[in-house]
Amino acid sequence: MPSSQLAWPWSSQELVKESRRWLLEWFIEGSDPGLCVTDHVPDEIVAFGKRCKVELIEQSEARELAAKHDIYLEGLGGTNQGIIGALASIGLISTGDDGRLVHLGGWPWPDEIHGGLIDAKTIYERGVDEIRVQATGEVLRDGRVDIVKNLRPNIRGGKIVLLVEATPDGRAPWKALKPT
């Protein structure tokens, strides 16, 4: 998705209210959840997201950048460090080629799939567009994947992609990756 206008069916206020409610209900104790809502993603926010992957960023920079671009940003617990990742994720996912998904519309919440070997068919039924071998780019259509903890596909080339590698221990033919 280009760094232009994003759209959703709710007003900004409704989206903030529902997102806050959902995050506060489901966040993991001890984490620092952050909430970021915007209908525009300037290139400066995309660059911020990319920097966050390789640099330590202060909360103050995230707050200043969000204020500069009139982007809603709120810490919802802990030390409020989650605002950095919340703002960064908006920039990264807006490119259509970066970001990690923790939930899709058709998935139950909380998700009943927690680690272990999962058939490719089940992964595709969840809305994943491709299971791709990271080293070769080969797309897998069948087999079993050790998703380790939870199903966490990535955005790559505008698609929902689960990146995998061969497992060295032979326990499963494929192991899901958590790329940076």
C-alpha atoms as a PDB file:
ATOM      1  CA  MET A   1       0.000   0.000   0.000  1.00  0.00           C
ATOM      2  CA  PRO A   2       1.534   3.370  -0.931  1.00  0.00           C
ATOM      3  CA  SER A   3       2.403   6.056   1.589  1.00  0.00           C
ATOM      4  CA  SER A   4      -0.741   7.983   0.775  1.00  0.00           C
ATOM      5  CA  GLN A   5      -4.236   7.644   2.183  1.00  0.00           C
ATOM      6  CA  LEU A   6      -5.352   4.615   4.170  1.00  0.00           C
ATOM      7  CA  ALA A   7      -9.046   3.933   4.769  1.00  0.00           C
ATOM      8  CA  TRP A   8     -11.189   2.157   7.367  1.00  0.00           C
ATOM      9  CA  PRO A   9     -14.951   1.908   7.946  1.00  0.00           C
ATOM     10  CA  TRP A  10     -14.944   3.707  11.346  1.00  0.00           C
ATOM     11  CA  SER A  11     -14.299   7.282  12.336  1.00  0.00           C
ATOM     12  CA  SER A  12     -10.878   7.950  13.848  1.00  0.00           C
ATOM     13  CA  GLN A  13     -12.417   8.348  17.305  1.00  0.00           C
ATOM     14  CA  GLU A  14     -14.261   5.030  17.039  1.00  0.00           C
ATOM     15  CA  LEU A  15     -11.139   3.288  15.801  1.00  0.00           C
ATOM     16  CA  VAL A  16      -9.064   4.675  18.689  1.00  0.00           C
ATOM     17  CA  LYS A  17     -11.723   3.687  21.226  1.00  0.00           C
ATOM     18  CA  GLU A  18     -12.126   0.130  19.907  1.00  0.00           C
ATOM     19  CA  SER A  19      -8.391  -0.393  19.415  1.00  0.00           C
ATOM     20  CA  ARG A  20      -7.642   0.829  22.940  1.00  0.00           C
ATOM     21  CA  ARG A  21     -10.333  -1.459  24.389  1.00  0.00           C
ATOM     22  CA  TRP A  22      -9.011  -4.442  22.445  1.00  0.00           C
ATOM     23  CA  LEU A  23      -5.357  -3.791  23.319  1.00  0.00           C
ATOM     24  CA  LEU A  24      -6.107  -3.320  27.016  1.00  0.00           C
ATOM     25  CA  GLU A  25      -8.143  -6.529  27.061  1.00  0.00           C
ATOM     26  CA  TRP A  26      -5.547  -8.686  25.306  1.00  0.00           C
ATOM     27  CA  PHE A  27      -2.079  -7.268  25.981  1.00  0.00           C
ATOM     28  CA  ILE A  28       0.389  -9.490  27.810  1.00  0.00           C
ATOM     29  CA  GLU A  29       1.103  -8.400  31.373  1.00  0.00           C
ATOM     30  CA  GLY A  30       4.532  -6.812  31.571  1.00  0.00           C
ATOM     31  CA  SER A  31       4.471  -5.599  27.975  1.00  0.00           C
ATOM     32  CA  ASP A  32       4.362  -1.979  26.860  1.00  0.00           C
ATOM     33  CA  PRO A  33       1.449  -1.760  24.415  1.00  0.00           C
ATOM     34  CA  GLY A  34       1.262   1.260  22.150  1.00  0.00           C
ATOM     35  CA  LEU A  35      -1.512   2.537  19.913  1.00  0.00           C
ATOM     36  CA  CYS A  36      -1.010   4.485  16.695  1.00  0.00           C
ATOM     37  CA  VAL A  37      -3.862   5.583  14.420  1.00  0.00           C
ATOM     38  CA  THR A  38      -3.585   7.603  11.228  1.00  0.00           C
ATOM     39  CA  ASP A  39      -5.136   7.923   7.807  1.00  0.00           C
ATOM     40  CA  HIS A  40      -1.877   9.075   6.238  1.00  0.00           C
ATOM     41  CA  VAL A  41       1.673   7.760   6.345  1.00  0.00           C
ATOM     42  CA  PRO A  42       4.281  10.325   5.311  1.00  0.00           C
ATOM     43  CA  ASP A  43       7.646   9.150   3.996  1.00  0.00           C
ATOM     44  CA  GLU A  44       9.236  10.427   7.224  1.00  0.00           C
ATOM     45  CA  ILE A  45       7.219   7.828   9.184  1.00  0.00           C
ATOM     46  CA  VAL A  46       8.339   5.078   6.781  1.00  0.00           C
ATOM     47  CA  ALA A  47      11.975   6.147   7.307  1.00  0.00           C
ATOM     48  CA  PHE A  48      11.393   6.182  11.092  1.00  0.00           C
ATOM     49  CA  GLY A  49      10.109   2.593  10.947  1.00  0.00           C
ATOM     50  CA  LYS A  50      13.152   1.459   9.008  1.00  0.00           C
ATOM     51  CA  ARG A  51      15.501   3.189  11.460  1.00  0.00           C
ATOM     52  CA  CYS A  52      13.763   1.499  14.393  1.00  0.00           C
ATOM     53  CA  LYS A  53      14.824  -1.861  12.990  1.00  0.00           C
ATOM     54  CA  VAL A  54      18.514  -0.972  13.365  1.00  0.00           C
ATOM     55  CA  GLU A  55      18.749   1.854  15.928  1.00  0.00           C
ATOM     56  CA  LEU A  56      17.601   2.492  19.472  1.00  0.00           C
ATOM     57  CA  ILE A  57      15.038   5.288  19.349  1.00  0.00           C
ATOM     58  CA  GLU A  58      13.794   7.444  22.230  1.00  0.00           C
ATOM     59  CA  GLN A  59      10.122   7.907  23.037  1.00  0.00           C
ATOM     60  CA  SER A  60      10.529  11.654  22.649  1.00  0.00           C
ATOM     61  CA  GLU A  61      11.400  11.256  18.956  1.00  0.00           C
ATOM     62  CA  ALA A  62       8.330   9.115  18.331  1.00  0.00           C
ATOM     63  CA  ARG A  63       6.087  11.618  20.140  1.00  0.00           C
ATOM     64  CA  GLU A  64       7.566  14.597  18.258  1.00  0.00           C
ATOM     65  CA  LEU A  65       7.250  12.879  14.889  1.00  0.00           C
ATOM     66  CA  ALA A  66       3.647  11.830  15.538  1.00  0.00           C
ATOM     67  CA  ALA A  67       2.733  15.351  16.665  1.00  0.00           C
ATOM     68  CA  LYS A  68       4.442  16.902  13.619  1.00  0.00           C
ATOM     69  CA  HIS A  69       2.304  14.768  11.288  1.00  0.00           C
ATOM     70  CA  ASP A  70      -0.905  14.881  13.372  1.00  0.00           C
ATOM     71  CA  ILE A  71      -0.800  11.133  14.041  1.00  0.00           C
ATOM     72  CA  TYR A  72      -2.551   9.686  17.086  1.00  0.00           C
ATOM     73  CA  LEU A  73      -0.022   7.971  19.375  1.00  0.00           C
ATOM     74  CA  GLU A  74      -0.685   6.661  22.887  1.00  0.00           C
ATOM     75  CA  GLY A  75       1.139   4.479  25.379  1.00  0.00           C
ATOM     76  CA  LEU A  76      -1.176   2.033  27.133  1.00  0.00           C
ATOM     77  CA  GLY A  77       0.979   0.630  29.889  1.00  0.00           C
ATOM     78  CA  GLY A  78       4.348  -0.160  31.316  1.00  0.00           C
ATOM     79  CA  THR A  79       6.924   2.474  30.446  1.00  0.00           C
ATOM     80  CA  ASN A  80       5.015   3.469  27.288  1.00  0.00           C
ATOM     81  CA  GLN A  81       7.936   2.289  25.135  1.00  0.00           C
ATOM     82  CA  GLY A  82       5.322   0.603  22.952  1.00  0.00           C
ATOM     83  CA  ILE A  83       4.658   3.912  21.229  1.00  0.00           C
ATOM     84  CA  ILE A  84       7.954   3.553  19.362  1.00  0.00           C
ATOM     85  CA  GLY A  85       6.969   0.207  17.857  1.00  0.00           C
ATOM     86  CA  ALA A  86       3.402   1.346  17.216  1.00  0.00           C
ATOM     87  CA  LEU A  87       4.548   4.328  15.149  1.00  0.00           C
ATOM     88  CA  ALA A  88       7.279   2.301  13.438  1.00  0.00           C
ATOM     89  CA  SER A  89       4.823  -0.446  12.488  1.00  0.00           C
ATOM     90  CA  ILE A  90       2.535   2.023  10.732  1.00  0.00           C
ATOM     91  CA  GLY A  91       5.455   3.171   8.594  1.00  0.00           C
ATOM     92  CA  LEU A  92       6.698  -0.321   7.839  1.00  0.00           C
ATOM     93  CA  ILE A  93       3.380  -1.913   6.961  1.00  0.00           C
ATOM     94  CA  SER A  94       2.380   1.016   4.739  1.00  0.00           C
ATOM     95  CA  THR A  95       5.141   0.038   2.291  1.00  0.00           C
ATOM     96  CA  GLY A  96       3.451  -3.288   1.567  1.00  0.00           C
ATOM     97  CA  ASP A  97       6.849  -4.934   1.945  1.00  0.00           C
ATOM     98  CA  ASP A  98       7.579  -4.964   5.658  1.00  0.00           C
ATOM     99  CA  GLY A  99       5.866  -5.747   8.907  1.00  0.00           C
ATOM    100  CA  ARG A 100       4.667  -8.721  10.861  1.00  0.00           C
ATOM    101  CA  LEU A 101       1.024  -9.693  11.396  1.00  0.00           C
ATOM    102  CA  VAL A 102      -0.220 -10.979  14.713  1.00  0.00           C
ATOM    103  CA  HIS A 103      -3.876 -11.182  13.717  1.00  0.00           C
ATOM    104  CA  LEU A 104      -6.015 -11.269  10.585  1.00  0.00           C
ATOM    105  CA  GLY A 105      -9.741 -10.722  10.295  1.00  0.00           C
ATOM    106  CA  GLY A 106     -10.672 -14.380   9.832  1.00  0.00           C
ATOM    107  CA  TRP A 107      -8.617 -15.672  12.766  1.00  0.00           C
ATOM    108  CA  PRO A 108     -10.201 -16.466  16.104  1.00  0.00           C
ATOM    109  CA  TRP A 109      -8.908 -14.420  19.019  1.00  0.00           C
ATOM    110  CA  PRO A 110      -7.224 -15.550  21.048  1.00  0.00           C
ATOM    111  CA  ASP A 111      -5.806 -17.824  18.380  1.00  0.00           C
ATOM    112  CA  GLU A 112      -5.996 -21.533  19.201  1.00  0.00           C
ATOM    113  CA  ILE A 113      -2.883 -22.320  17.146  1.00  0.00           C
ATOM    114  CA  HIS A 114       0.031 -22.167  19.572  1.00  0.00           C
ATOM    115  CA  GLY A 115       3.242 -23.633  18.257  1.00  0.00           C
ATOM    116  CA  GLY A 116       3.958 -27.030  16.872  1.00  0.00           C
ATOM    117  CA  LEU A 117       3.633 -28.603  13.480  1.00  0.00           C
ATOM    118  CA  ILE A 118       0.903 -27.186  11.268  1.00  0.00           C
ATOM    119  CA  ASP A 119      -0.127 -28.410   7.822  1.00  0.00           C
ATOM    120  CA  ALA A 120       0.419 -25.934   5.000  1.00  0.00           C
ATOM    121  CA  LYS A 121      -3.273 -26.290   4.118  1.00  0.00           C
ATOM    122  CA  THR A 122      -4.269 -24.935   7.555  1.00  0.00           C
ATOM    123  CA  ILE A 123      -1.856 -22.008   7.173  1.00  0.00           C
ATOM    124  CA  TYR A 124      -3.293 -21.136   3.752  1.00  0.00           C
ATOM    125  CA  GLU A 125      -6.841 -21.419   5.130  1.00  0.00           C
ATOM    126  CA  ARG A 126      -5.903 -18.680   7.627  1.00  0.00           C
ATOM    127  CA  GLY A 127      -5.396 -16.206   4.786  1.00  0.00           C
ATOM    128  CA  VAL A 128      -1.668 -16.564   4.269  1.00  0.00           C
ATOM    129  CA  ASP A 129      -0.938 -15.962   0.566  1.00  0.00           C
ATOM    130  CA  GLU A 130       2.408 -17.798   0.431  1.00  0.00           C
ATOM    131  CA  ILE A 131       4.646 -20.034   2.492  1.00  0.00           C
ATOM    132  CA  ARG A 132       8.027 -19.048   1.094  1.00  0.00           C
ATOM    133  CA  VAL A 133      11.488 -20.540   1.653  1.00  0.00           C
ATOM    134  CA  GLN A 134      13.544 -17.509   2.602  1.00  0.00           C
ATOM    135  CA  ALA A 135      16.820 -18.733   1.083  1.00  0.00           C
ATOM    136  CA  THR A 136      15.433 -19.641  -2.350  1.00  0.00           C
ATOM    137  CA  GLY A 137      12.110 -17.848  -2.752  1.00  0.00           C
ATOM    138  CA  GLU A 138      10.420 -21.192  -3.492  1.00  0.00           C
ATOM    139  CA  VAL A 139       6.718 -21.201  -2.595  1.00  0.00           C
ATOM    140  CA  LEU A 140       5.561 -24.278  -0.688  1.00  0.00           C
ATOM    141  CA  ARG A 141       2.074 -25.624  -1.315  1.00  0.00           C
ATOM    142  CA  ASP A 142       2.076 -28.605   1.054  1.00  0.00           C
ATOM    143  CA  GLY A 143       3.979 -30.132   3.923  1.00  0.00           C
ATOM    144  CA  ARG A 144       4.209 -29.251   7.580  1.00  0.00           C
ATOM    145  CA  VAL A 145       5.663 -26.169   9.219  1.00  0.00           C
ATOM    146  CA  ASP A 146       6.847 -25.772  12.802  1.00  0.00           C
ATOM    147  CA  ILE A 147       5.402 -22.358  13.604  1.00  0.00           C
ATOM    148  CA  VAL A 148       7.363 -22.372  16.890  1.00  0.00           C
ATOM    149  CA  LYS A 149       5.073 -20.176  19.093  1.00  0.00           C
ATOM    150  CA  ASN A 150       2.322 -18.521  17.052  1.00  0.00           C
ATOM    151  CA  LEU A 151       1.459 -17.997  13.404  1.00  0.00           C
ATOM    152  CA  ARG A 152       3.138 -14.672  12.558  1.00  0.00           C
ATOM    153  CA  PRO A 153       3.298 -14.080   8.800  1.00  0.00           C
ATOM    154  CA  ASN A 154       4.965 -11.044   7.239  1.00  0.00           C
ATOM    155  CA  ILE A 155       4.039  -8.526   4.581  1.00  0.00           C
ATOM    156  CA  ARG A 156       6.227  -9.019   1.504  1.00  0.00           C
ATOM    157  CA  GLY A 157       5.478  -7.628  -1.938  1.00  0.00           C
ATOM    158  CA  GLY A 158       1.951  -6.719  -0.846  1.00  0.00           C
ATOM    159  CA  LYS A 159       1.249 -10.331   0.153  1.00  0.00           C
ATOM    160  CA  ILE A 160       0.843 -12.111   3.471  1.00  0.00           C
ATOM    161  CA  VAL A 161       3.864 -14.423   3.533  1.00  0.00           C
ATOM    162  CA  LEU A 162       5.100 -16.950   6.059  1.00  0.00           C
ATOM    163  CA  LEU A 163       8.873 -17.210   5.642  1.00  0.00           C
ATOM    164  CA  VAL A 164      10.408 -20.600   6.434  1.00  0.00           C
ATOM    165  CA  GLU A 165      13.711 -22.446   6.431  1.00  0.00           C
ATOM    166  CA  ALA A 166      14.635 -26.116   6.501  1.00  0.00           C
ATOM    167  CA  THR A 167      15.034 -27.466  10.025  1.00  0.00           C
ATOM    168  CA  PRO A 168      18.458 -28.812  10.945  1.00  0.00           C
ATOM    169  CA  ASP A 169      17.094 -31.353  13.422  1.00  0.00           C
ATOM    170  CA  GLY A 170      14.745 -33.039  10.957  1.00  0.00           C
ATOM    171  CA  ARG A 171      11.797 -32.659  13.366  1.00  0.00           C
ATOM    172  CA  ALA A 172       9.819 -30.967  10.621  1.00  0.00           C
ATOM    173  CA  PRO A 173      10.708 -30.212   7.070  1.00  0.00           C
ATOM    174  CA  TRP A 174      10.165 -26.458   7.645  1.00  0.00           C
ATOM    175  CA  LYS A 175      10.448 -23.949  10.468  1.00  0.00           C
ATOM    176  CA  ALA A 176       8.739 -20.543  10.471  1.00  0.00           C
ATOM    177  CA  LEU A 177      11.104 -17.580  10.688  1.00  0.00           C
ATOM    178  CA  LYS A 178      10.845 -14.276  12.502  1.00  0.00           C
ATOM    179  CA  PRO A 179      12.735 -11.973  10.128  1.00  0.00           C
ATOM    180  CA  THR A 180      13.713  -8.467  11.076  1.00  0.00           C
END
